[in-house]
Amino acid sequence: MTIEQLHRFTQLRATDPKLTDSMLLNSNNPSKFSTKPDVVVAGAGIIGLCYAIHLKNIAPQLNIAVYEKNRAPDGLQFYCIDREGVEVTSEDIGGLDLSFQLDRRMSELFLTVWAQSIGINVYHGVEAEFQIAEKYQVSESQEDTHCVKTPQVKLKNFPKPGGTDVNAKLVCDASGFSRKLTSKFGKKELFEGWNCDAYWAYFKEKEGGKAESRSDHWDYPATKHAQSGVPAHEIPSTKALSEKFGCPFEFITSIGWAVRDNHKLPDNLDEYGSGEGERKFNYFKRRYPTLNKLMNGVYELLPRYYGKQTYFVRKSMAYRNPIVAGDGWFAIGNSAGFTNPLISPGINAGIGTAVLAANLSKEILDQSPEQSRAVMQKCAATYQSYSHEFMIPRLHQMNRYWYNSFRDHRLFEIMVPCFWTLGIDDANSHYVNEFTKEDIYWVVGAGQDQFVNFSGKVLDILEASNELPANDDEIEKGNMKESQEVVALEFGVHHARSGDTIT
């Protein structure tokens, strides 16, 4: 975002304080609203915007429209707390970062403005629904096999009350967990075994608990301001920028727990609250004294911050959709599937779906009407195979590998270098100039055959004792010994292939 754009938004807000965030962002769109764009994207998260930007770069003639139901970009942060539970010590997990762990609000805003600057209309505060035709409607002069019948897009109360129908040549479902389009093609496929459920609510820092009031020269690291050629220590703080642009700020955050659904809960949770969300949120909060102390001392609960409820629940977070591509459409990111709420390669893995879908979209739209449906079916099959059969299952296996390695600190010590050596390899060799086919199938290490074979052997050992008592030391020691032997074997094979000397 340029300084000129910042000043433009500031001046518009100063001229009319009633302008909402979505009004400001939508005013930056480069062209007028159209009911017949070439491509529609439902969802302006990072993956949806990456799809739109990449497609526009390789096919600049296309008219692309992105619709996002949220009024403004949303965010994600990671918090680390001290042992006493007194304060947040940092807001990034650091070290082994498997994704771009910058403030998502800033990155989504940056990508929104980038998309608009190259000719893409991005609309916030606009919810898109899809309608699937029961059968193809073609003219008498057309063969049914030649026609691609793209799902129709229906916009809720935009740009007029009641909504508007939008007809595109191709649509992309990037709506995330809401699965606006993929939900119409079947129920979610849940993975065998345990899954994860999430319980969360929204909070703000208490006045006395704010880091800026406790520490001199503190600036929230999640602001991620940047300016070309300016040293980091000279970049203004959040507070300074707030005063400069007359923009008050307050950090609102959602805090919650993603827990395995096979965790044994007490028979009666009445003492923890009135509903499932509140009861299970408070149960897990109180289960860990350090966390309970931090939550009670630093954060203030915001009742009904989003709508009519205070506590939120999402069950069975890990899944894949049975169909992720079809006649006139693709599904990318979490709309296609999700595997891991704890340590997830997230954007790094999801961007593969965005790039592949964009490349295939161009291939389809480049065809003549006579060839379009045959090419669409071929491209849909290619994408279905990649997402449903290759990427999601391998990410799920990596997820199980991580979780099982948390059972003992010795397993965790072994797990990280093995994953890095057999999966990640040389991270700097990826994404150097452009996103290649090899990058698409890399999947941040989960796509590497060596890692898949290795992690499968480890899981054969560890998962066999999942149902045994946790204090069965002999079983754990036996598993540890065998898994270390597998590690040694796989390391030997890997380094031998690399030409290294094994001692």
Protein backbone atom coordinates (compact mmCIF):
# COMPACT_ATOMS: atom_id res chain seq x y z
CA MET A 1 0.00 0.00 0.00
CA THR A 2 1.42 3.38 -0.99
CA ILE A 3 1.49 6.51 1.14
CA GLU A 4 -0.87 8.10 -1.39
CA GLN A 5 -3.43 5.36 -0.81
CA LEU A 6 -3.08 5.69 2.95
CA HIS A 7 -3.71 9.40 2.73
CA ARG A 8 -6.62 8.82 0.35
CA PHE A 9 -8.34 6.48 2.81
CA THR A 10 -7.61 8.87 5.67
CA GLN A 11 -9.00 11.85 3.77
CA LEU A 12 -12.14 9.96 2.77
CA ARG A 13 -12.77 8.91 6.37
CA ALA A 14 -12.15 12.49 7.56
CA THR A 15 -14.59 13.83 4.96
CA ASP A 16 -17.29 11.32 5.90
CA PRO A 17 -16.76 9.57 9.28
CA LYS A 18 -19.74 7.30 8.54
CA LEU A 19 -17.80 5.46 5.84
CA THR A 20 -17.24 1.85 6.89
CA ASP A 21 -14.06 -0.13 6.28
CA SER A 22 -15.75 -2.04 3.47
CA MET A 23 -16.88 1.20 1.82
CA LEU A 24 -13.32 2.54 1.90
CA LEU A 25 -11.81 -0.65 0.50
CA ASN A 26 -14.48 -1.04 -2.18
CA SER A 27 -13.97 2.57 -3.30
CA ASN A 28 -10.48 1.55 -4.40
CA ASN A 29 -11.76 -0.91 -7.03
CA PRO A 30 -10.45 -0.05 -10.50
CA SER A 31 -13.64 -0.60 -12.53
CA LYS A 32 -17.42 -0.58 -12.27
CA PHE A 33 -19.42 -3.49 -10.92
CA SER A 34 -20.37 -6.05 -13.57
CA THR A 35 -22.90 -8.87 -13.56
CA LYS A 36 -20.86 -10.71 -16.21
CA PRO A 37 -17.21 -10.98 -15.13
CA ASP A 38 -15.07 -13.72 -16.62
CA VAL A 39 -14.15 -15.18 -13.22
CA VAL A 40 -15.71 -14.89 -9.75
CA VAL A 41 -13.81 -15.74 -6.56
CA ALA A 42 -15.81 -16.27 -3.36
CA GLY A 43 -13.50 -15.33 -0.49
CA ALA A 44 -10.79 -12.67 -0.17
CA GLY A 45 -8.50 -14.54 2.19
CA ILE A 46 -4.85 -14.96 1.28
CA ILE A 47 -5.42 -18.05 -0.87
CA GLY A 48 -8.37 -16.55 -2.74
CA LEU A 49 -6.43 -13.36 -3.47
CA CYS A 50 -3.35 -15.34 -4.55
CA TYR A 51 -5.52 -17.24 -7.04
CA ALA A 52 -6.98 -14.02 -8.44
CA ILE A 53 -3.61 -12.24 -8.65
CA HIS A 54 -1.83 -15.16 -10.31
CA LEU A 55 -4.65 -15.64 -12.82
CA LYS A 56 -4.66 -11.93 -13.66
CA ASN A 57 -0.88 -11.97 -14.13
CA ILE A 58 -0.98 -14.86 -16.61
CA ALA A 59 -4.23 -13.73 -18.30
CA PRO A 60 -4.41 -9.93 -17.94
CA GLN A 61 -7.37 -9.64 -20.31
CA LEU A 62 -9.72 -11.39 -17.85
CA ASN A 63 -12.31 -9.51 -15.81
CA ILE A 64 -11.98 -10.95 -12.28
CA ALA A 65 -14.23 -10.12 -9.31
CA VAL A 66 -13.59 -11.23 -5.71
CA TYR A 67 -16.36 -11.17 -3.08
CA GLU A 68 -15.66 -11.33 0.66
CA LYS A 69 -18.44 -11.42 3.28
CA ASN A 70 -16.25 -9.89 6.03
CA ARG A 71 -16.25 -6.13 6.14
CA ALA A 72 -12.45 -5.89 6.29
CA PRO A 73 -9.39 -8.20 6.33
CA ASP A 74 -9.18 -10.48 9.35
CA GLY A 75 -6.13 -11.65 11.29
CA LEU A 76 -4.18 -14.44 12.95
CA GLN A 77 -1.40 -14.28 15.55
CA PHE A 78 0.53 -16.67 17.78
CA TYR A 79 1.06 -15.96 21.48
CA CYS A 80 3.80 -17.24 23.77
CA ILE A 81 3.34 -16.79 27.52
CA ASP A 82 5.74 -16.87 30.44
CA ARG A 83 5.82 -19.79 32.89
CA GLU A 84 4.01 -17.86 35.61
CA GLY A 85 1.12 -16.87 33.36
CA VAL A 86 1.63 -13.18 34.04
CA GLU A 87 2.07 -11.84 30.51
CA VAL A 88 2.47 -12.55 26.83
CA THR A 89 6.20 -12.64 26.14
CA SER A 90 6.02 -12.72 22.34
CA GLU A 91 3.46 -12.94 19.57
CA ASP A 92 5.11 -15.37 17.20
CA ILE A 93 6.05 -18.99 17.76
CA GLY A 94 9.44 -18.35 16.15
CA GLY A 95 11.91 -21.00 15.08
CA LEU A 96 10.14 -23.64 13.00
CA ASP A 97 7.61 -21.50 11.13
CA LEU A 98 5.78 -23.52 8.50
CA SER A 99 3.84 -20.58 7.14
CA PHE A 100 4.05 -16.84 6.69
CA GLN A 101 3.36 -15.90 10.30
CA LEU A 102 2.81 -12.23 9.82
CA ASP A 103 -0.35 -10.47 10.86
CA ARG A 104 -2.98 -11.76 8.46
CA ARG A 105 -4.89 -8.49 8.54
CA MET A 106 -1.88 -6.68 7.15
CA SER A 107 -1.14 -9.32 4.53
CA GLU A 108 -4.77 -9.56 3.39
CA LEU A 109 -4.96 -5.77 3.15
CA PHE A 110 -1.72 -5.69 1.16
CA LEU A 111 -2.96 -8.39 -1.24
CA THR A 112 -6.33 -6.64 -1.59
CA VAL A 113 -4.68 -3.38 -2.66
CA TRP A 114 -2.25 -5.28 -4.89
CA ALA A 115 -5.14 -7.06 -6.61
CA GLN A 116 -6.98 -3.78 -7.12
CA SER A 117 -3.83 -2.15 -8.52
CA ILE A 118 -3.61 -4.72 -11.35
CA GLY A 119 -7.28 -4.47 -12.32
CA ILE A 120 -9.15 -6.88 -10.02
CA ASN A 121 -12.30 -5.74 -8.23
CA VAL A 122 -12.31 -6.90 -4.59
CA TYR A 123 -15.58 -6.34 -2.71
CA HIS A 124 -15.71 -6.58 1.09
CA GLY A 125 -18.98 -6.89 2.99
CA VAL A 126 -20.52 -8.87 0.11
CA GLU A 127 -21.62 -12.47 0.62
CA ALA A 128 -21.75 -14.77 -2.40
CA GLU A 129 -23.90 -17.88 -2.68
CA PHE A 130 -23.93 -20.43 -5.49
CA GLN A 131 -26.78 -22.04 -7.38
CA ILE A 132 -26.19 -25.29 -9.26
CA ALA A 133 -28.24 -26.04 -12.36
CA GLU A 134 -29.90 -29.47 -12.38
CA LYS A 135 -29.16 -29.89 -16.05
CA TYR A 136 -27.48 -27.99 -18.84
CA GLN A 137 -29.57 -25.50 -20.76
CA VAL A 138 -28.17 -25.06 -24.25
CA SER A 139 -29.49 -23.74 -27.50
CA GLU A 140 -30.64 -26.08 -30.26
CA SER A 141 -27.50 -25.34 -32.24
CA GLN A 142 -25.18 -26.47 -29.44
CA GLU A 143 -24.13 -29.95 -28.44
CA ASP A 144 -24.52 -30.64 -24.71
CA THR A 145 -20.96 -31.98 -24.60
CA HIS A 146 -19.61 -28.62 -25.81
CA CYS A 147 -21.13 -26.42 -23.09
CA VAL A 148 -19.68 -25.64 -19.68
CA LYS A 149 -22.50 -24.81 -17.27
CA THR A 150 -20.85 -22.72 -14.58
CA PRO A 151 -22.60 -22.38 -11.19
CA GLN A 152 -24.53 -19.13 -10.93
CA VAL A 153 -23.42 -16.61 -8.31
CA LYS A 154 -25.99 -14.84 -6.15
CA LEU A 155 -24.88 -11.77 -4.18
CA LYS A 156 -26.81 -11.01 -0.99
CA ASN A 157 -28.14 -7.45 -0.84
CA PHE A 158 -25.50 -6.11 -3.20
CA PRO A 159 -25.35 -3.80 -5.01
CA LYS A 160 -29.06 -3.41 -4.35
CA PRO A 161 -31.44 -4.76 -1.67
CA GLY A 162 -32.52 -8.33 -2.31
CA GLY A 163 -29.40 -9.33 -4.16
CA THR A 164 -28.05 -9.71 -7.67
CA ASP A 165 -27.38 -12.62 -10.01
CA VAL A 166 -23.87 -12.76 -11.46
CA ASN A 167 -23.00 -14.96 -14.43
CA ALA A 168 -19.33 -15.84 -14.85
CA LYS A 169 -17.48 -18.17 -17.19
CA LEU A 170 -15.71 -19.79 -14.24
CA VAL A 171 -15.98 -19.56 -10.43
CA CYS A 172 -13.57 -20.33 -7.62
CA ASP A 173 -14.70 -21.31 -4.12
CA ALA A 174 -12.21 -19.79 -1.65
CA SER A 175 -14.80 -19.40 1.12
CA GLY A 176 -12.90 -21.53 3.64
CA PHE A 177 -14.74 -23.54 6.27
CA SER A 178 -18.14 -22.26 5.10
CA ARG A 179 -17.67 -24.29 1.88
CA LYS A 180 -20.12 -22.16 -0.08
CA LEU A 181 -19.87 -24.28 -3.22
CA THR A 182 -18.26 -27.58 -2.24
CA SER A 183 -20.98 -28.23 0.36
CA LYS A 184 -23.44 -28.64 -2.53
CA PHE A 185 -21.49 -31.62 -3.86
CA GLY A 186 -21.51 -33.83 -0.79
CA LYS A 187 -20.82 -33.96 2.93
CA LYS A 188 -17.33 -33.51 4.32
CA GLU A 189 -15.21 -36.64 4.38
CA LEU A 190 -13.82 -37.09 7.90
CA PHE A 191 -10.54 -38.89 8.42
CA GLU A 192 -10.45 -42.19 10.24
CA GLY A 193 -9.56 -41.94 13.93
CA TRP A 194 -9.52 -38.89 16.17
CA ASN A 195 -10.26 -35.37 15.00
CA CYS A 196 -10.04 -31.90 16.55
CA ASP A 197 -12.81 -29.68 17.92
CA ALA A 198 -12.38 -25.96 18.58
CA TYR A 199 -13.85 -23.72 21.31
CA TRP A 200 -13.17 -19.99 21.35
CA ALA A 201 -14.34 -16.50 22.31
CA TYR A 202 -13.24 -12.89 21.79
CA PHE A 203 -11.19 -10.77 24.19
CA LYS A 204 -9.39 -7.47 24.64
CA GLU A 205 -6.48 -6.63 26.89
CA LYS A 206 -7.38 -5.20 30.27
CA GLU A 207 -6.12 -1.68 30.88
CA GLY A 208 -3.57 -2.73 33.47
CA GLY A 209 -2.47 -5.74 31.45
CA LYS A 210 -1.55 -3.97 28.23
CA ALA A 211 2.03 -4.66 27.21
CA GLU A 212 2.56 -1.04 26.16
CA SER A 213 1.79 0.13 29.69
CA ARG A 214 4.15 -2.43 31.26
CA SER A 215 7.20 -2.11 28.99
CA ASP A 216 9.09 0.94 27.74
CA HIS A 217 9.41 1.32 23.97
CA TRP A 218 7.02 -1.60 23.36
CA ASP A 219 5.39 -1.96 19.98
CA TYR A 220 3.15 -4.86 19.07
CA PRO A 221 5.15 -7.05 16.69
CA ALA A 222 2.04 -8.03 14.75
CA THR A 223 1.73 -4.53 13.25
CA LYS A 224 4.40 -5.40 10.66
CA HIS A 225 4.81 -1.89 9.25
CA ALA A 226 7.36 -1.59 6.48
CA GLN A 227 8.72 1.02 4.12
CA SER A 228 11.34 0.49 1.44
CA GLY A 229 14.81 1.70 2.40
CA VAL A 230 13.90 2.54 5.99
CA PRO A 231 15.68 0.69 8.86
CA ALA A 232 13.33 -1.22 11.14
CA HIS A 233 14.17 0.90 14.19
CA GLU A 234 13.05 4.04 12.34
CA ILE A 235 9.60 2.70 11.45
CA PRO A 236 6.91 4.44 13.55
CA SER A 237 5.15 2.50 16.28
CA THR A 238 1.47 1.64 16.18
CA LYS A 239 0.79 4.43 18.66
CA ALA A 240 2.71 6.99 16.58
CA LEU A 241 0.89 6.01 13.40
CA SER A 242 -2.41 6.14 15.25
CA GLU A 243 -1.73 9.72 16.32
CA LYS A 244 -0.43 10.73 12.87
CA PHE A 245 -3.51 9.52 11.01
CA GLY A 246 -6.05 10.19 13.78
CA CYS A 247 -6.97 6.52 13.92
CA PRO A 248 -7.63 5.07 17.40
CA PHE A 249 -6.72 1.41 17.78
CA GLU A 250 -7.56 -1.43 20.10
CA PHE A 251 -6.38 -5.00 19.78
CA ILE A 252 -9.27 -7.45 19.79
CA THR A 253 -8.30 -11.11 19.66
CA SER A 254 -10.03 -14.46 19.61
CA ILE A 255 -8.56 -17.02 21.99
CA GLY A 256 -9.52 -20.65 21.97
CA TRP A 257 -8.51 -24.27 22.12
CA ALA A 258 -8.23 -26.88 19.39
CA VAL A 259 -8.47 -30.20 21.23
CA ARG A 260 -8.61 -33.83 20.22
CA ASP A 261 -12.14 -35.18 20.26
CA ASN A 262 -11.03 -38.38 22.01
CA HIS A 263 -10.04 -36.45 25.15
CA LYS A 264 -11.87 -37.86 28.17
CA LEU A 265 -14.03 -35.11 29.69
CA PRO A 266 -15.71 -35.18 33.12
CA ASP A 267 -19.23 -36.58 33.07
CA ASN A 268 -20.67 -33.32 34.40
CA LEU A 269 -19.47 -29.92 33.16
CA ASP A 270 -22.27 -27.81 34.68
CA GLU A 271 -19.87 -25.93 36.95
CA TYR A 272 -18.05 -24.50 33.91
CA GLY A 273 -20.95 -22.64 32.30
CA SER A 274 -24.35 -22.81 30.67
CA GLY A 275 -23.72 -24.13 27.16
CA GLU A 276 -21.32 -26.48 25.39
CA GLY A 277 -19.05 -23.72 24.10
CA GLU A 278 -18.73 -21.95 27.46
CA ARG A 279 -18.39 -25.16 29.46
CA LYS A 280 -15.65 -26.69 27.36
CA PHE A 281 -13.82 -23.39 26.91
CA ASN A 282 -13.68 -22.86 30.68
CA TYR A 283 -12.87 -26.50 31.37
CA PHE A 284 -9.71 -26.39 29.28
CA LYS A 285 -8.80 -22.91 30.54
CA ARG A 286 -8.94 -24.03 34.17
CA ARG A 287 -7.20 -27.30 33.39
CA TYR A 288 -3.93 -25.38 32.94
CA PRO A 289 -3.24 -23.04 35.90
CA THR A 290 -0.72 -20.90 34.00
CA LEU A 291 -3.17 -20.30 31.19
CA ASN A 292 -6.03 -19.68 33.61
CA LYS A 293 -3.97 -17.07 35.47
CA LEU A 294 -3.06 -15.25 32.26
CA MET A 295 -6.63 -15.24 30.95
CA ASN A 296 -8.08 -13.95 34.21
CA GLY A 297 -5.40 -11.32 34.75
CA VAL A 298 -4.73 -9.89 31.30
CA TYR A 299 -7.76 -10.47 29.07
CA GLU A 300 -11.35 -9.29 29.30
CA LEU A 301 -14.11 -11.34 27.68
CA LEU A 302 -16.23 -9.53 25.08
CA PRO A 303 -19.80 -10.88 25.26
CA ARG A 304 -21.58 -11.27 21.90
CA TYR A 305 -18.79 -9.49 20.04
CA TYR A 306 -19.83 -11.25 16.83
CA GLY A 307 -23.60 -11.66 16.73
CA LYS A 308 -25.78 -13.19 19.41
CA GLN A 309 -23.36 -15.68 20.93
CA THR A 310 -20.26 -15.28 23.09
CA TYR A 311 -18.65 -18.72 22.81
CA PHE A 312 -18.12 -20.52 19.52
CA VAL A 313 -17.75 -24.20 18.64
CA ARG A 314 -16.45 -25.92 15.51
CA LYS A 315 -16.52 -29.72 15.42
CA SER A 316 -14.38 -32.10 13.36
CA MET A 317 -12.01 -29.52 11.94
CA ALA A 318 -10.00 -31.96 9.81
CA TYR A 319 -11.75 -33.04 6.62
CA ARG A 320 -11.62 -33.13 2.86
CA ASN A 321 -14.40 -32.52 0.37
CA PRO A 322 -15.36 -35.42 -1.91
CA ILE A 323 -15.47 -33.16 -4.99
CA VAL A 324 -13.21 -30.10 -5.33
CA ALA A 325 -13.57 -29.32 -9.04
CA GLY A 326 -16.28 -29.63 -11.63
CA ASP A 327 -18.03 -28.05 -14.56
CA GLY A 328 -16.97 -24.40 -14.44
CA TRP A 329 -15.50 -24.34 -10.93
CA PHE A 330 -12.59 -25.08 -8.59
CA ALA A 331 -12.29 -25.08 -4.78
CA ILE A 332 -9.04 -23.93 -3.17
CA GLY A 333 -7.61 -23.61 0.33
CA ASN A 334 -9.82 -24.69 3.22
CA SER A 335 -12.80 -24.97 0.88
CA ALA A 336 -11.12 -28.10 -0.47
CA GLY A 337 -10.02 -29.50 2.88
CA PHE A 338 -8.24 -28.89 6.17
CA THR A 339 -5.99 -31.16 8.21
CA ASN A 340 -4.25 -29.49 11.14
CA PRO A 341 -5.31 -26.68 13.49
CA LEU A 342 -2.08 -26.83 15.52
CA ILE A 343 0.99 -26.80 13.28
CA SER A 344 -0.21 -26.20 9.78
CA PRO A 345 1.72 -25.32 6.62
CA GLY A 346 -1.36 -23.25 5.84
CA ILE A 347 -0.53 -20.67 3.21
CA ASN A 348 2.59 -22.46 1.98
CA ALA A 349 0.55 -25.58 1.18
CA GLY A 350 -2.67 -23.83 0.19
CA ILE A 351 -0.94 -21.61 -2.33
CA GLY A 352 -0.29 -24.74 -4.38
CA THR A 353 -4.03 -25.16 -4.86
CA ALA A 354 -4.31 -21.49 -5.84
CA VAL A 355 -1.53 -21.60 -8.43
CA LEU A 356 -2.60 -24.93 -9.95
CA ALA A 357 -6.26 -23.86 -10.12
CA ALA A 358 -5.29 -20.54 -11.72
CA ASN A 359 -3.11 -22.25 -14.34
CA LEU A 360 -5.91 -24.68 -15.16
CA SER A 361 -8.44 -21.82 -15.26
CA LYS A 362 -6.40 -20.06 -17.92
CA GLU A 363 -6.14 -23.27 -19.92
CA ILE A 364 -9.93 -23.65 -19.85
CA LEU A 365 -10.73 -20.04 -20.70
CA ASP A 366 -8.26 -20.06 -23.60
CA GLN A 367 -10.32 -22.73 -25.39
CA SER A 368 -12.95 -22.25 -28.05
CA PRO A 369 -16.56 -22.99 -27.03
CA GLU A 370 -16.37 -26.27 -28.95
CA GLN A 371 -13.43 -27.48 -26.85
CA SER A 372 -14.13 -25.83 -23.52
CA ARG A 373 -16.09 -28.58 -21.80
CA ALA A 374 -13.69 -31.37 -22.76
CA VAL A 375 -10.77 -29.30 -21.48
CA MET A 376 -12.75 -28.39 -18.35
CA GLN A 377 -13.34 -32.06 -17.57
CA LYS A 378 -9.67 -32.86 -18.09
CA CYS A 379 -8.54 -29.97 -15.89
CA ALA A 380 -11.09 -30.80 -13.19
CA ALA A 381 -9.80 -34.38 -13.09
CA THR A 382 -6.21 -33.12 -12.77
CA TYR A 383 -7.10 -30.82 -9.89
CA GLN A 384 -9.31 -33.43 -8.18
CA SER A 385 -6.42 -35.88 -8.22
CA TYR A 386 -3.98 -33.32 -6.83
CA SER A 387 -6.12 -31.95 -4.00
CA HIS A 388 -8.24 -34.92 -2.96
CA GLU A 389 -5.87 -37.82 -3.63
CA PHE A 390 -2.41 -36.29 -3.16
CA MET A 391 -2.19 -33.10 -1.11
CA ILE A 392 -4.85 -33.51 1.60
CA PRO A 393 -4.02 -37.16 2.48
CA ARG A 394 -0.31 -36.36 2.72
CA LEU A 395 -0.94 -33.32 4.89
CA HIS A 396 -3.13 -35.48 7.12
CA GLN A 397 -0.35 -38.04 7.50
CA MET A 398 2.06 -35.24 8.42
CA ASN A 399 -0.49 -34.04 10.98
CA ARG A 400 -0.66 -37.48 12.63
CA TYR A 401 3.14 -37.64 12.62
CA TRP A 402 3.40 -34.32 14.49
CA TYR A 403 0.75 -35.17 17.06
CA ASN A 404 2.18 -38.59 17.87
CA SER A 405 5.63 -37.08 18.27
CA PHE A 406 4.35 -34.83 21.06
CA ARG A 407 3.97 -37.85 23.36
CA ASP A 408 7.55 -37.67 24.60
CA HIS A 409 10.25 -35.01 24.43
CA ARG A 410 12.71 -37.54 22.96
CA LEU A 411 10.34 -38.23 20.07
CA PHE A 412 9.97 -34.51 19.46
CA GLU A 413 13.75 -34.07 19.37
CA ILE A 414 13.97 -36.76 16.69
CA MET A 415 10.93 -35.62 14.76
CA VAL A 416 12.04 -32.08 13.87
CA PRO A 417 15.38 -32.86 12.15
CA CYS A 418 13.83 -35.84 10.35
CA PHE A 419 10.99 -33.74 9.00
CA TRP A 420 13.41 -31.02 7.96
CA THR A 421 15.83 -33.43 6.26
CA LEU A 422 13.36 -35.78 4.55
CA GLY A 423 10.56 -33.29 3.88
CA ILE A 424 11.59 -29.64 3.90
CA ASP A 425 15.08 -30.32 2.52
CA ASP A 426 16.52 -26.99 1.31
CA ALA A 427 13.66 -24.55 1.77
CA ASN A 428 15.62 -21.83 -0.02
CA SER A 429 15.53 -23.83 -3.25
CA HIS A 430 11.76 -23.43 -3.44
CA TYR A 431 9.87 -20.33 -4.62
CA VAL A 432 13.12 -18.76 -5.91
CA ASN A 433 11.81 -17.16 -9.09
CA GLU A 434 8.36 -18.53 -9.79
CA PHE A 435 6.00 -21.15 -8.39
CA THR A 436 6.81 -24.27 -10.38
CA LYS A 437 5.13 -27.66 -10.73
CA GLU A 438 7.74 -29.06 -8.32
CA ASP A 439 6.73 -26.44 -5.74
CA ILE A 440 3.06 -27.35 -6.14
CA TYR A 441 3.81 -31.00 -5.33
CA TRP A 442 6.34 -30.19 -2.59
CA VAL A 443 3.56 -29.24 -0.11
CA VAL A 444 6.15 -27.97 2.41
CA GLY A 445 7.68 -31.42 2.71
CA ALA A 446 4.47 -33.42 3.06
CA GLY A 447 4.56 -34.21 -0.65
CA GLN A 448 8.05 -35.75 -0.56
CA ASP A 449 7.99 -39.54 -1.01
CA GLN A 450 10.90 -40.02 1.40
CA PHE A 451 9.05 -38.24 4.19
CA VAL A 452 5.80 -40.10 3.45
CA ASN A 453 7.57 -43.47 3.65
CA PHE A 454 9.44 -42.54 6.83
CA SER A 455 6.46 -41.03 8.67
CA GLY A 456 4.34 -44.04 7.70
CA LYS A 457 6.83 -46.39 9.40
CA VAL A 458 6.92 -44.20 12.51
CA LEU A 459 3.12 -44.13 12.69
CA ASP A 460 2.94 -47.92 12.35
CA ILE A 461 4.93 -48.08 15.58
CA LEU A 462 3.44 -45.21 17.57
CA GLU A 463 -0.25 -45.47 16.69
CA ALA A 464 -0.35 -49.14 17.64
CA SER A 465 -0.15 -48.12 21.32
CA ASN A 466 -2.53 -45.15 21.21
CA GLU A 467 -5.20 -46.97 23.19
CA LEU A 468 -2.81 -48.23 25.87
CA PRO A 469 -2.53 -46.45 29.24
CA ALA A 470 -0.37 -43.35 29.05
CA ASN A 471 1.77 -44.51 31.99
CA ASP A 472 2.76 -47.81 30.39
CA ASP A 473 6.50 -47.09 30.46
CA GLU A 474 7.57 -50.35 28.90
CA ILE A 475 5.40 -49.83 25.83
CA GLU A 476 6.64 -46.26 25.43
CA LYS A 477 10.28 -47.34 25.75
CA GLY A 478 9.76 -50.07 23.18
CA ASN A 479 8.15 -47.65 20.76
CA MET A 480 10.94 -45.17 21.35
CA LYS A 481 13.63 -47.74 20.58
CA GLU A 482 11.96 -48.92 17.38
CA SER A 483 11.21 -45.42 16.16
CA GLN A 484 14.83 -44.42 16.72
CA GLU A 485 15.91 -47.40 14.61
CA VAL A 486 13.58 -46.26 11.83
CA VAL A 487 15.03 -42.76 12.09
CA ALA A 488 18.59 -44.06 11.84
CA LEU A 489 17.67 -46.19 8.82
CA GLU A 490 15.95 -43.35 6.98
CA PHE A 491 18.76 -40.89 7.75
CA GLY A 492 21.28 -43.41 6.44
CA VAL A 493 19.39 -43.90 3.19
CA HIS A 494 18.91 -40.17 2.71
CA HIS A 495 22.51 -39.17 3.36
CA ALA A 496 23.85 -42.06 1.31
CA ARG A 497 21.83 -40.84 -1.67
CA SER A 498 23.19 -37.35 -1.08
CA GLY A 499 26.78 -38.62 -1.22
CA ASP A 500 27.51 -37.78 2.42
CA THR A 501 29.79 -39.91 4.58
CA ILE A 502 27.94 -41.92 7.22
CA THR A 503 29.79 -42.59 10.46
